[in-house]
Amino acid sequence: MLTRLYISNIVLIEKLNLEFGGGLNVLTGETGAGKSILLDALSLALGARSDTGLVRHGCDTATVIAEFDETNSELRNILDENVIDFDGSLILRRTLSSDGKSRAWVNDVPVSIKTLKQIGDTLVEIHGQFANHALLNPIMHRGALDTFGKTNNTKYNELLEKVRVNYNKYHAAEKRLHDLEQMLEKSASEREFLEHNVRELETLNVKLGEEDELAAKRTIMMNAEKDAAILSEAIAALNSRGESIDSQIFSVAHILQRIKTEPNPYSKQIDALYDAAQIISDVTEQLSPTDVDVENLDAVEERLFAIRAAARKHRVSADELPAKLEQMSAELNAIENSDSELKKVSAELQQLKSAFDSSATELNAERKAVAKELRSRILKELPDLKLGGADFMVDITPASPSIAGCDDVVFMIKTNPGMPFAPLHRAASGGELARFMLALRVVLANNDGAYTFVFDEIDTGISGATASAVGQRLNRLAETAQTLVITHSAQVAGFADKHFKISKTTQNESTTTNVVEINGDDRINEIARIISGTQITPESLATAKTLIK
């Protein structure tokens, strides 16, 4: 609901701060007082295209602020997308410079004019010269019809939900089938590739941690091989003269023992030689190769190379090769079983499509019945609104499957007998269309998301009973949604919950538009002025009192 409208330096308005209420808000004033300027300003705040001609003469910048105190689900989504907080008050601000630059904010967050218009369209629907009413957009007609159906048919909502669920299941199965068919298209080359690689990895049969184990074993074997070479060299050095050195030392010791002198002067040396010979014999025994199987080094290196080559080929680590084998085996299995899976998904798709088609057909029948009821109710409203020659129908035609069924819905009207029906958005503008839209809105009872309706020119070319009928319907609409009306009709003004008077004053060659809320005698006098003109008569005053509800 629009709670406040602040306007600064817009054409004839120097500064204006209006507070609106729920129900029916009526604005009246003499011709040329500036009523259309209010719509210009409000439209600007809602994201309408800017015009530098709106900036008051002699001013650099014009500002409009529109404040609202309610949101709806569509608006919440837009606010979330633009990271705009809502704490119970939504403030739309628009500035327009005399050089043509325009800027916009929502709750002090800078936004594009496009975003401002998206937000504005969810809050206000204007019927008049600057119309932005949602129902002129055929895209909105199916939703409006369904909303009417849910309001007047208890099973309608269940049917809409049934269609939505069936479509989602059908659409999901359709996607699965599409994905499966795509996989089959490339399965021949992929099958050959997978079979080769699965066979290769199965033959290789890599175990988790095997690379590290082989690398460690390879290091041990390489060290053992080097050690054996060094030991062999040492043994060769000891045996360099063809006879082992320990044998030579033993021989020397035996020779020295044959000395006859007692005691043998070389007895200590002889003992040392025997000890040295024993030590050399022991060392020689220990210089034999270890128990490491160096002959298997080539096999270990070959295995390690094969594992690492496979890891590089599949762009994974060696420890991930078993998982890669499992993955490719599953893909190969899926391809091998794809024929049966294709048949299974195809059969499931047919069942789900049949269920969706059945529910969509049922919804189509209900829509046609609801469309007849909507037409009947609207036609009852038209004669009192001086639209007795007009007609309305709902055109329901086949459409592509969606969560809303298989129907396109367009509201069609003709304003005079003998004329063909035409889509609502192609109808003539002005008071005639505004009254028709009023009838449509009253019947739809504002259940499709808009909170504020603005009507201009709705009383064009009518008076008396017709004007009273318009006022009554505006009053009915205002019971469910805030309604603003700019009117020249005393009958319409009489239904106001809040009445604003628009006037124009000229001082020092400067003209200014003012708007004030009026009550009591001021309101009676204003309605009397509408009735009798500038000369207010006792009769017009009496009539004014009668008209005020």
Protein backbone atom coordinates (compact mmCIF):
# COMPACT_ATOMS: atom_id res chain seq x y z
CA MET A 1 0.00 0.00 0.00
CA LEU A 2 1.20 3.50 -0.89
CA THR A 3 1.50 5.40 2.38
CA ARG A 4 3.34 8.57 1.33
CA LEU A 5 4.20 10.49 -1.81
CA TYR A 6 6.79 13.28 -1.64
CA ILE A 7 7.28 15.49 -4.69
CA SER A 8 9.82 18.26 -5.17
CA ASN A 9 10.22 20.54 -8.21
CA ILE A 10 8.03 18.57 -10.62
CA VAL A 11 6.46 21.00 -13.17
CA LEU A 12 4.00 23.13 -11.13
CA ILE A 13 4.68 21.35 -7.84
CA GLU A 14 7.34 23.05 -5.75
CA LYS A 15 7.07 20.80 -2.70
CA LEU A 16 4.35 18.35 -1.74
CA ASN A 17 4.04 15.67 0.93
CA LEU A 18 0.91 13.51 0.76
CA GLU A 19 -0.08 10.72 3.14
CA PHE A 20 -2.51 8.17 1.74
CA GLY A 21 -4.59 5.62 3.58
CA GLY A 22 -6.26 2.31 2.89
CA GLY A 23 -9.52 2.11 1.00
CA LEU A 24 -10.56 4.68 -1.60
CA ASN A 25 -8.41 7.80 -1.97
CA VAL A 26 -10.02 10.41 -4.24
CA LEU A 27 -8.33 13.44 -5.80
CA THR A 28 -10.44 16.22 -7.29
CA GLY A 29 -9.79 19.72 -8.60
CA GLU A 30 -10.53 22.17 -11.33
CA THR A 31 -9.40 21.43 -14.88
CA GLY A 32 -5.77 22.41 -15.32
CA ALA A 33 -5.02 22.39 -11.60
CA GLY A 34 -2.34 19.75 -12.10
CA LYS A 35 -3.97 16.39 -11.44
CA SER A 36 -2.01 14.73 -14.24
CA ILE A 37 1.22 16.02 -12.71
CA LEU A 38 0.62 13.79 -9.69
CA LEU A 39 0.39 10.78 -11.99
CA ASP A 40 3.54 11.91 -13.81
CA ALA A 41 5.38 12.11 -10.50
CA LEU A 42 4.10 8.78 -9.18
CA SER A 43 4.92 7.09 -12.49
CA LEU A 44 8.43 8.52 -12.27
CA ALA A 45 8.90 6.98 -8.81
CA LEU A 46 7.68 3.65 -10.20
CA GLY A 47 10.26 3.56 -12.99
CA ALA A 48 8.56 5.32 -15.91
CA ARG A 49 10.73 6.88 -18.61
CA SER A 50 12.01 10.29 -17.58
CA ASP A 51 11.39 13.58 -19.35
CA THR A 52 13.45 16.69 -18.60
CA GLY A 53 10.27 18.69 -19.14
CA LEU A 54 9.10 17.41 -15.75
CA VAL A 55 11.78 19.41 -13.92
CA ARG A 56 10.30 22.67 -12.60
CA HIS A 57 11.47 25.72 -14.50
CA GLY A 58 14.54 27.28 -12.91
CA CYS A 59 15.43 24.16 -10.88
CA ASP A 60 18.37 21.83 -11.37
CA THR A 61 16.87 18.67 -9.91
CA ALA A 62 13.43 17.14 -9.32
CA THR A 63 12.79 14.43 -6.72
CA VAL A 64 9.95 11.98 -6.11
CA ILE A 65 9.74 9.58 -3.16
CA ALA A 66 7.04 6.92 -2.88
CA GLU A 67 6.79 4.94 0.36
CA PHE A 68 5.02 1.58 0.72
CA ASP A 69 4.37 -0.61 3.73
CA GLU A 70 3.63 -4.01 2.16
CA THR A 71 5.38 -6.54 -0.04
CA ASN A 72 4.34 -9.62 -1.99
CA SER A 73 6.22 -12.78 -2.99
CA GLU A 74 7.22 -11.45 -6.43
CA LEU A 75 8.55 -8.25 -4.88
CA ARG A 76 10.43 -10.18 -2.19
CA ASN A 77 12.26 -12.13 -4.90
CA ILE A 78 13.32 -8.92 -6.68
CA LEU A 79 14.52 -7.39 -3.39
CA ASP A 80 16.51 -10.51 -2.54
CA GLU A 81 18.12 -10.58 -5.98
CA ASN A 82 19.26 -6.97 -5.53
CA VAL A 83 20.27 -7.42 -1.85
CA ILE A 84 17.74 -4.86 -0.63
CA ASP A 85 16.49 -5.22 2.94
CA PHE A 86 12.82 -4.72 3.81
CA ASP A 87 12.03 -3.84 7.40
CA GLY A 88 8.37 -2.94 7.02
CA SER A 89 8.87 0.13 4.86
CA LEU A 90 9.85 0.27 1.19
CA ILE A 91 11.03 3.66 -0.07
CA LEU A 92 11.38 4.28 -3.81
CA ARG A 93 13.34 7.46 -4.63
CA ARG A 94 13.95 8.94 -8.06
CA THR A 95 15.81 12.09 -9.03
CA LEU A 96 15.79 13.82 -12.40
CA SER A 97 18.27 16.51 -13.41
CA SER A 98 17.59 19.27 -15.87
CA ASP A 99 20.42 17.88 -18.02
CA GLY A 100 18.49 14.63 -18.43
CA LYS A 101 20.35 12.46 -15.90
CA SER A 102 18.16 10.20 -13.79
CA ARG A 103 19.02 8.12 -10.71
CA ALA A 104 17.05 5.73 -8.53
CA TRP A 105 17.27 4.17 -5.05
CA VAL A 106 15.22 1.59 -3.18
CA ASN A 107 15.68 1.77 0.60
CA ASP A 108 18.81 3.85 -0.08
CA VAL A 109 20.29 1.12 -2.31
CA PRO A 110 21.15 2.45 -5.80
CA VAL A 111 19.26 0.53 -8.51
CA SER A 112 18.84 0.73 -12.26
CA ILE A 113 15.69 2.28 -13.71
CA LYS A 114 14.83 -1.16 -15.07
CA THR A 115 14.95 -2.65 -11.57
CA LEU A 116 12.93 0.27 -10.21
CA LYS A 117 10.25 -0.41 -12.81
CA GLN A 118 10.21 -4.13 -11.97
CA ILE A 119 9.59 -3.21 -8.33
CA GLY A 120 7.04 -0.54 -9.20
CA ASP A 121 5.05 -2.93 -11.38
CA THR A 122 4.56 -5.27 -8.41
CA LEU A 123 3.23 -2.45 -6.22
CA VAL A 124 1.01 -0.21 -8.32
CA GLU A 125 -1.27 -0.69 -11.31
CA ILE A 126 -2.19 2.51 -13.15
CA HIS A 127 -5.25 2.80 -15.42
CA GLY A 128 -5.08 5.96 -17.44
CA GLN A 129 -2.81 7.93 -19.72
CA PHE A 130 0.32 6.36 -18.18
CA ALA A 131 -1.11 2.88 -17.92
CA ASN A 132 1.12 0.11 -16.67
CA HIS A 133 -1.66 -2.25 -15.61
CA ALA A 134 -0.55 -5.85 -15.52
CA LEU A 135 -3.73 -7.22 -17.10
CA LEU A 136 -2.92 -5.51 -20.40
CA ASN A 137 -0.08 -8.03 -20.66
CA PRO A 138 -1.42 -11.34 -22.08
CA ILE A 139 1.25 -13.22 -20.12
CA MET A 140 -0.69 -12.34 -16.96
CA HIS A 141 -4.08 -13.59 -18.17
CA ARG A 142 -3.63 -17.29 -17.44
CA GLY A 143 -2.53 -16.51 -13.89
CA ALA A 144 -5.47 -14.14 -13.41
CA LEU A 145 -7.92 -16.78 -14.66
CA ASP A 146 -6.37 -19.42 -12.39
CA THR A 147 -6.54 -17.05 -9.41
CA PHE A 148 -10.24 -16.49 -10.12
CA GLY A 149 -10.67 -20.25 -10.43
CA LYS A 150 -8.98 -20.94 -7.08
CA THR A 151 -11.20 -18.33 -5.42
CA ASN A 152 -14.42 -19.79 -6.78
CA ASN A 153 -13.64 -23.51 -7.08
CA THR A 154 -12.29 -25.48 -4.13
CA LYS A 155 -10.82 -28.27 -6.30
CA TYR A 156 -9.13 -25.90 -8.75
CA ASN A 157 -6.03 -25.38 -6.62
CA GLU A 158 -5.62 -29.15 -6.16
CA LEU A 159 -5.83 -29.59 -9.93
CA LEU A 160 -3.22 -26.89 -10.55
CA GLU A 161 -0.88 -28.62 -8.07
CA LYS A 162 -1.54 -31.99 -9.71
CA VAL A 163 -0.60 -30.59 -13.13
CA ARG A 164 2.55 -28.97 -11.70
CA VAL A 165 3.72 -32.20 -10.03
CA ASN A 166 2.93 -34.33 -13.10
CA TYR A 167 4.77 -31.93 -15.39
CA ASN A 168 7.88 -31.88 -13.20
CA LYS A 169 7.99 -35.70 -13.18
CA TYR A 170 7.39 -35.87 -16.93
CA HIS A 171 10.01 -33.18 -17.63
CA ALA A 172 12.60 -34.95 -15.43
CA ALA A 173 12.02 -38.26 -17.26
CA GLU A 174 12.26 -36.45 -20.59
CA LYS A 175 15.66 -35.07 -19.58
CA ARG A 176 16.85 -38.52 -18.45
CA LEU A 177 15.85 -39.98 -21.81
CA HIS A 178 17.60 -37.15 -23.66
CA ASP A 179 20.80 -37.67 -21.67
CA LEU A 180 20.65 -41.43 -22.28
CA GLU A 181 20.13 -40.97 -26.02
CA GLN A 182 23.09 -38.59 -26.16
CA MET A 183 25.23 -41.16 -24.37
CA LEU A 184 24.17 -43.84 -26.86
CA GLU A 185 25.18 -41.64 -29.80
CA LYS A 186 28.79 -41.70 -28.68
CA SER A 187 28.72 -45.12 -27.02
CA ALA A 188 30.38 -47.01 -29.92
CA SER A 189 33.68 -45.13 -29.71
CA GLU A 190 33.45 -44.83 -25.94
CA ARG A 191 32.76 -48.57 -25.57
CA GLU A 192 35.98 -49.42 -27.43
CA PHE A 193 37.94 -46.89 -25.40
CA LEU A 194 36.50 -48.08 -22.09
CA GLU A 195 36.93 -51.78 -22.89
CA HIS A 196 40.62 -51.25 -23.74
CA ASN A 197 41.32 -49.22 -20.61
CA VAL A 198 39.33 -51.46 -18.28
CA ARG A 199 41.16 -54.49 -19.64
CA GLU A 200 44.50 -52.72 -19.27
CA LEU A 201 43.82 -51.67 -15.65
CA GLU A 202 42.40 -55.05 -14.73
CA THR A 203 45.59 -56.69 -16.05
CA LEU A 204 47.74 -54.20 -14.21
CA ASN A 205 45.65 -54.81 -11.04
CA VAL A 206 47.14 -51.96 -9.03
CA LYS A 207 46.79 -52.21 -5.25
CA LEU A 208 46.39 -49.25 -2.92
CA GLY A 209 49.86 -48.15 -1.70
CA GLU A 210 51.64 -50.39 -4.19
CA GLU A 211 53.58 -47.55 -5.81
CA ASP A 212 55.16 -46.50 -2.49
CA GLU A 213 55.93 -50.12 -1.63
CA LEU A 214 57.61 -50.76 -4.99
CA ALA A 215 59.57 -47.51 -4.82
CA ALA A 216 60.91 -48.44 -1.37
CA LYS A 217 61.76 -51.97 -2.52
CA ARG A 218 63.49 -50.61 -5.62
CA THR A 219 65.65 -48.32 -3.44
CA ILE A 220 66.68 -51.24 -1.20
CA MET A 221 67.53 -53.40 -4.21
CA MET A 222 69.55 -50.67 -5.90
CA ASN A 223 71.56 -50.09 -2.69
CA ALA A 224 72.12 -53.83 -2.27
CA GLU A 225 73.35 -54.10 -5.82
CA LYS A 226 75.85 -51.28 -5.26
CA ASP A 227 76.99 -52.84 -1.97
CA ALA A 228 77.62 -56.19 -3.68
CA ALA A 229 79.83 -54.51 -6.28
CA ILE A 230 81.86 -52.79 -3.55
CA LEU A 231 82.31 -56.07 -1.62
CA SER A 232 83.40 -57.86 -4.72
CA GLU A 233 86.00 -55.18 -5.31
CA ALA A 234 87.26 -55.57 -1.72
CA ILE A 235 87.54 -59.35 -2.09
CA ALA A 236 89.39 -58.91 -5.37
CA ALA A 237 91.84 -56.56 -3.64
CA LEU A 238 92.49 -59.17 -0.93
CA ASN A 239 93.08 -61.82 -3.55
CA SER A 240 95.06 -59.66 -5.92
CA ARG A 241 98.14 -62.01 -5.98
CA GLY A 242 96.21 -65.10 -6.89
CA GLU A 243 96.30 -66.54 -3.35
CA SER A 244 94.24 -65.31 -0.45
CA ILE A 245 96.11 -63.03 1.91
CA ASP A 246 95.11 -65.01 4.99
CA SER A 247 96.74 -68.11 3.49
CA GLN A 248 99.86 -66.10 2.83
CA ILE A 249 99.95 -64.87 6.47
CA PHE A 250 99.44 -68.42 7.76
CA SER A 251 102.35 -69.53 5.60
CA VAL A 252 104.61 -66.82 7.03
CA ALA A 253 103.58 -67.79 10.60
CA HIS A 254 104.37 -71.50 9.91
CA ILE A 255 107.76 -70.61 8.49
CA LEU A 256 108.66 -68.46 11.53
CA GLN A 257 107.74 -71.34 13.88
CA ARG A 258 110.52 -73.44 12.43
CA ILE A 259 113.19 -71.22 14.06
CA LYS A 260 115.22 -73.41 16.42
CA THR A 261 116.29 -70.79 18.94
CA GLU A 262 114.61 -71.28 22.27
CA PRO A 263 112.63 -69.37 23.19
CA ASN A 264 111.62 -68.33 19.67
CA PRO A 265 112.37 -64.63 19.46
CA TYR A 266 109.39 -64.13 17.06
CA SER A 267 106.76 -65.87 19.17
CA LYS A 268 104.72 -62.64 19.68
CA GLN A 269 104.87 -61.79 15.99
CA ILE A 270 103.82 -65.33 15.15
CA ASP A 271 100.76 -65.05 17.44
CA ALA A 272 99.88 -61.67 15.86
CA LEU A 273 100.16 -63.15 12.38
CA TYR A 274 97.82 -66.02 13.33
CA ASP A 275 95.29 -63.51 14.77
CA ALA A 276 95.50 -61.32 11.63
CA ALA A 277 95.04 -64.34 9.38
CA GLN A 278 91.88 -65.35 11.33
CA ILE A 279 90.48 -61.84 11.18
CA ILE A 280 91.05 -61.65 7.41
CA SER A 281 89.38 -65.05 6.98
CA ASP A 282 86.33 -63.89 8.95
CA VAL A 283 86.07 -60.62 6.96
CA THR A 284 86.33 -62.49 3.68
CA GLU A 285 83.37 -64.68 4.69
CA GLN A 286 81.33 -61.61 5.59
CA LEU A 287 82.07 -59.94 2.25
CA SER A 288 79.60 -62.27 0.49
CA PRO A 289 76.40 -60.73 -1.13
CA THR A 290 73.34 -60.13 1.15
CA ASP A 291 70.07 -62.03 0.91
CA VAL A 292 68.42 -59.19 -1.09
CA ASP A 293 67.19 -60.57 -4.41
CA VAL A 294 68.94 -58.12 -6.69
CA GLU A 295 68.06 -60.23 -9.70
CA ASN A 296 64.40 -59.09 -9.33
CA LEU A 297 65.29 -55.40 -9.59
CA ASP A 298 64.40 -55.27 -13.28
CA ALA A 299 60.96 -56.75 -12.57
CA VAL A 300 60.28 -54.24 -9.79
CA GLU A 301 61.35 -51.31 -11.97
CA GLU A 302 59.21 -52.53 -14.85
CA ARG A 303 56.14 -52.84 -12.58
CA LEU A 304 56.73 -49.40 -11.06
CA PHE A 305 57.14 -47.84 -14.52
CA ALA A 306 53.89 -49.46 -15.73
CA ILE A 307 51.91 -48.17 -12.74
CA ARG A 308 53.24 -44.63 -13.09
CA ALA A 309 52.62 -44.63 -16.85
CA ALA A 310 48.97 -45.66 -16.26
CA ALA A 311 48.55 -42.90 -13.66
CA ARG A 312 49.87 -40.30 -16.12
CA LYS A 313 47.61 -41.60 -18.85
CA HIS A 314 44.47 -41.27 -16.75
CA ARG A 315 45.65 -38.07 -15.04
CA VAL A 316 45.27 -39.47 -11.55
CA SER A 317 47.63 -40.57 -8.79
CA ALA A 318 48.71 -44.21 -8.64
CA ASP A 319 46.53 -44.76 -5.56
CA GLU A 320 43.50 -43.50 -7.54
CA LEU A 321 43.88 -46.09 -10.30
CA PRO A 322 41.65 -48.70 -8.56
CA ALA A 323 38.87 -46.10 -8.25
CA LYS A 324 39.38 -45.12 -11.90
CA LEU A 325 38.99 -48.75 -12.88
CA GLU A 326 35.76 -48.96 -10.88
CA GLN A 327 34.43 -45.77 -12.51
CA MET A 328 35.20 -46.87 -16.07
CA SER A 329 33.79 -50.33 -15.38
CA ALA A 330 30.54 -48.70 -14.23
CA GLU A 331 30.44 -46.51 -17.37
CA LEU A 332 31.08 -49.53 -19.56
CA ASN A 333 28.37 -51.44 -17.73
CA ALA A 334 25.95 -48.54 -18.24
CA ILE A 335 26.66 -48.53 -21.98
CA GLU A 336 26.27 -52.30 -22.19
CA ASN A 337 22.95 -52.04 -20.35
CA SER A 338 21.83 -48.86 -22.13
CA ASP A 339 19.44 -50.62 -24.49
CA SER A 340 17.40 -52.04 -21.65
CA GLU A 341 17.69 -48.78 -19.71
CA LEU A 342 16.49 -46.85 -22.77
CA LYS A 343 13.42 -49.04 -23.03
CA LYS A 344 12.77 -48.65 -19.31
CA VAL A 345 13.04 -44.83 -19.35
CA SER A 346 10.99 -44.59 -22.56
CA ALA A 347 8.20 -46.63 -21.00
CA GLU A 348 8.34 -44.52 -17.84
CA LEU A 349 8.22 -41.33 -19.91
CA GLN A 350 5.13 -42.50 -21.74
CA GLN A 351 3.38 -43.25 -18.45
CA LEU A 352 4.31 -39.86 -16.99
CA LYS A 353 3.31 -38.02 -20.18
CA SER A 354 -0.01 -39.82 -20.14
CA ALA A 355 -0.56 -38.74 -16.52
CA PHE A 356 0.39 -35.15 -17.34
CA ASP A 357 -1.78 -35.05 -20.47
CA SER A 358 -4.70 -36.40 -18.48
CA SER A 359 -4.36 -33.78 -15.72
CA ALA A 360 -3.72 -31.00 -18.29
CA THR A 361 -6.89 -32.01 -20.18
CA GLU A 362 -8.81 -31.96 -16.92
CA LEU A 363 -7.41 -28.51 -16.13
CA ASN A 364 -8.32 -27.30 -19.63
CA ALA A 365 -11.93 -28.33 -19.06
CA GLU A 366 -11.99 -26.57 -15.67
CA ARG A 367 -10.42 -23.45 -17.18
CA LYS A 368 -13.13 -23.32 -19.81
CA ALA A 369 -15.80 -23.63 -17.15
CA VAL A 370 -14.14 -20.95 -15.00
CA ALA A 371 -13.78 -18.74 -18.10
CA LYS A 372 -17.53 -18.92 -18.67
CA GLU A 373 -18.14 -17.95 -15.04
CA LEU A 374 -15.68 -15.05 -15.32
CA ARG A 375 -17.37 -13.84 -18.51
CA SER A 376 -20.80 -14.10 -16.90
CA ARG A 377 -19.76 -12.02 -13.88
CA ILE A 378 -18.02 -9.35 -15.95
CA LEU A 379 -20.97 -8.99 -18.33
CA LYS A 380 -23.20 -8.30 -15.31
CA GLU A 381 -20.96 -5.38 -14.37
CA LEU A 382 -20.79 -3.72 -17.79
CA PRO A 383 -24.31 -2.22 -18.31
CA ASP A 384 -24.15 -0.10 -15.15
CA LEU A 385 -20.77 1.21 -16.32
CA LYS A 386 -22.23 2.43 -19.63
CA LEU A 387 -20.59 -0.51 -21.41
CA GLY A 388 -23.78 -2.41 -22.24
CA GLY A 389 -22.68 -2.88 -25.85
CA ALA A 390 -19.32 -4.33 -24.86
CA ASP A 391 -18.57 -8.04 -24.62
CA PHE A 392 -15.85 -10.12 -23.03
CA MET A 393 -14.55 -13.64 -23.56
CA VAL A 394 -11.57 -15.75 -22.55
CA ASP A 395 -9.72 -17.29 -25.51
CA ILE A 396 -8.09 -20.59 -24.50
CA THR A 397 -5.78 -22.15 -27.09
CA PRO A 398 -3.25 -25.02 -27.06
CA ALA A 399 0.25 -24.20 -25.83
CA SER A 400 3.50 -26.03 -25.19
CA PRO A 401 3.49 -28.17 -22.02
CA SER A 402 4.52 -26.37 -18.85
CA ILE A 403 3.91 -26.49 -15.11
CA ALA A 404 0.69 -24.56 -15.85
CA GLY A 405 -0.66 -27.14 -18.29
CA CYS A 406 -1.08 -26.84 -22.05
CA ASP A 407 -3.17 -23.68 -22.39
CA ASP A 408 -2.58 -20.15 -23.59
CA VAL A 409 -5.10 -17.72 -22.14
CA VAL A 410 -5.92 -14.30 -23.60
CA PHE A 411 -8.66 -11.92 -22.44
CA MET A 412 -10.64 -10.67 -25.45
CA ILE A 413 -13.08 -7.74 -25.62
CA LYS A 414 -15.18 -5.83 -28.11
CA THR A 415 -16.55 -2.45 -27.15
CA ASN A 416 -19.44 -2.30 -29.65
CA PRO A 417 -21.82 -4.86 -31.18
CA GLY A 418 -20.82 -6.07 -34.62
CA MET A 419 -17.13 -5.53 -34.00
CA PRO A 420 -14.77 -8.51 -33.79
CA PHE A 421 -13.21 -9.55 -30.50
CA ALA A 422 -9.66 -8.26 -29.98
CA PRO A 423 -7.06 -8.93 -27.30
CA LEU A 424 -7.45 -6.71 -24.26
CA HIS A 425 -4.08 -5.02 -24.80
CA ARG A 426 -5.19 -3.81 -28.25
CA ALA A 427 -8.35 -2.14 -27.00
CA ALA A 428 -8.79 1.64 -27.21
CA SER A 429 -7.42 3.62 -24.29
CA GLY A 430 -9.26 6.18 -22.22
CA GLY A 431 -12.23 6.15 -19.88
CA GLU A 432 -13.99 3.28 -21.68
CA LEU A 433 -11.07 0.94 -21.17
CA ALA A 434 -10.55 2.19 -17.61
CA ARG A 435 -14.15 1.32 -16.74
CA PHE A 436 -13.81 -2.09 -18.33
CA MET A 437 -10.61 -2.71 -16.36
CA LEU A 438 -12.46 -1.61 -13.21
CA ALA A 439 -15.13 -4.24 -13.86
CA LEU A 440 -12.45 -6.85 -14.47
CA ARG A 441 -10.56 -5.90 -11.33
CA VAL A 442 -13.67 -5.92 -9.17
CA VAL A 443 -14.58 -9.42 -10.35
CA LEU A 444 -11.02 -10.68 -9.91
CA ALA A 445 -11.04 -9.15 -6.41
CA ASN A 446 -7.33 -8.19 -6.46
CA ASN A 447 -6.05 -11.67 -5.81
CA ASP A 448 -3.10 -11.52 -8.18
CA GLY A 449 -0.58 -9.51 -6.16
CA ALA A 450 -1.03 -5.75 -6.78
CA TYR A 451 -1.72 -3.67 -3.69
CA THR A 452 -2.54 -0.26 -5.12
CA PHE A 453 -4.74 0.67 -8.09
CA VAL A 454 -4.76 4.10 -9.68
CA PHE A 455 -7.61 5.15 -12.00
CA ASP A 456 -7.59 8.25 -14.20
CA GLU A 457 -10.16 9.28 -16.84
CA ILE A 458 -12.49 6.59 -15.52
CA ASP A 459 -15.41 9.04 -15.45
CA THR A 460 -14.86 10.40 -18.96
CA GLY A 461 -18.18 10.80 -20.77
CA ILE A 462 -20.38 9.53 -17.93
CA SER A 463 -22.60 11.06 -15.28
CA GLY A 464 -25.63 10.29 -13.13
CA ALA A 465 -26.33 6.62 -12.52
CA THR A 466 -23.30 5.49 -14.48
CA ALA A 467 -20.97 7.64 -12.40
CA SER A 468 -22.64 6.29 -9.27
CA ALA A 469 -22.11 2.73 -10.52
CA VAL A 470 -18.43 3.50 -11.10
CA GLY A 471 -18.15 4.87 -7.58
CA GLN A 472 -19.80 1.80 -6.11
CA ARG A 473 -17.39 -0.52 -7.90
CA LEU A 474 -14.39 1.55 -6.92
CA ASN A 475 -15.64 1.30 -3.36
CA ARG A 476 -15.92 -2.49 -3.68
CA LEU A 477 -12.42 -2.73 -5.10
CA ALA A 478 -11.10 -0.52 -2.29
CA GLU A 479 -12.40 -3.04 0.25
CA THR A 480 -9.67 -5.47 -0.84
CA ALA A 481 -7.00 -3.11 -2.21
CA GLN A 482 -5.94 0.49 -1.82
CA THR A 483 -7.42 2.53 -4.68
CA LEU A 484 -6.50 6.04 -5.87
CA VAL A 485 -8.88 7.85 -8.23
CA ILE A 486 -8.51 11.17 -10.02
CA THR A 487 -12.04 12.16 -10.87
CA HIS A 488 -14.36 14.92 -12.06
CA SER A 489 -17.41 13.03 -10.81
CA ALA A 490 -19.24 14.09 -7.67
CA GLN A 491 -20.76 10.61 -7.37
CA VAL A 492 -17.31 8.98 -7.39
CA ALA A 493 -15.91 11.55 -4.96
CA GLY A 494 -18.74 10.82 -2.55
CA PHE A 495 -17.39 7.32 -1.90
CA ALA A 496 -13.95 8.51 -0.77
CA ASP A 497 -12.35 7.27 2.44
CA LYS A 498 -9.79 10.06 1.96
CA HIS A 499 -10.45 13.11 -0.20
CA PHE A 500 -7.68 15.35 -1.56
CA LYS A 501 -8.27 18.67 -3.29
CA ILE A 502 -5.87 19.82 -5.99
CA SER A 503 -5.62 23.55 -6.63
CA LYS A 504 -3.41 25.94 -8.53
CA THR A 505 -2.23 29.39 -7.40
CA THR A 506 -0.28 32.11 -9.20
CA GLN A 507 1.87 34.63 -7.39
CA ASN A 508 4.60 36.89 -8.76
CA GLU A 509 4.28 35.23 -12.16
CA SER A 510 4.96 31.85 -10.55
CA THR A 511 2.31 29.12 -10.70
CA THR A 512 2.20 26.38 -8.09
CA THR A 513 0.03 23.30 -7.63
CA ASN A 514 -1.05 22.40 -4.09
CA VAL A 515 -2.80 19.34 -2.73
CA VAL A 516 -4.50 19.16 0.65
CA GLU A 517 -6.69 16.60 2.35
CA ILE A 518 -10.20 17.93 2.99
CA ASN A 519 -12.88 16.91 5.47
CA GLY A 520 -16.21 18.16 6.77
CA ASP A 521 -17.54 21.33 5.19
CA ASP A 522 -14.52 21.67 2.93
CA ARG A 523 -15.31 18.32 1.41
CA ILE A 524 -19.02 19.14 1.04
CA ASN A 525 -18.10 22.41 -0.69
CA GLU A 526 -15.69 20.67 -3.06
CA ILE A 527 -18.30 18.09 -4.13
CA ALA A 528 -20.85 20.90 -4.50
CA ARG A 529 -18.38 22.76 -6.74
CA ILE A 530 -18.06 19.66 -8.94
CA ILE A 531 -21.85 19.55 -9.22
CA SER A 532 -22.64 23.19 -9.92
CA GLY A 533 -19.35 24.75 -10.98
CA THR A 534 -17.85 27.87 -9.45
CA GLN A 535 -21.24 29.07 -8.22
CA ILE A 536 -22.10 26.79 -5.31
CA THR A 537 -25.86 26.63 -4.71
CA PRO A 538 -27.93 25.38 -1.78
CA GLU A 539 -29.15 22.60 -4.04
CA SER A 540 -25.60 21.48 -4.89
CA LEU A 541 -24.67 21.55 -1.20
CA ALA A 542 -27.68 19.40 -0.36
CA THR A 543 -26.79 16.96 -3.13
CA ALA A 544 -23.18 16.86 -1.96
CA LYS A 545 -24.28 15.88 1.54
CA THR A 546 -26.41 13.13 0.06
CA LEU A 547 -23.58 11.77 -2.05
CA ILE A 548 -21.07 11.51 0.76
CA LYS A 549 -21.30 7.96 1.98
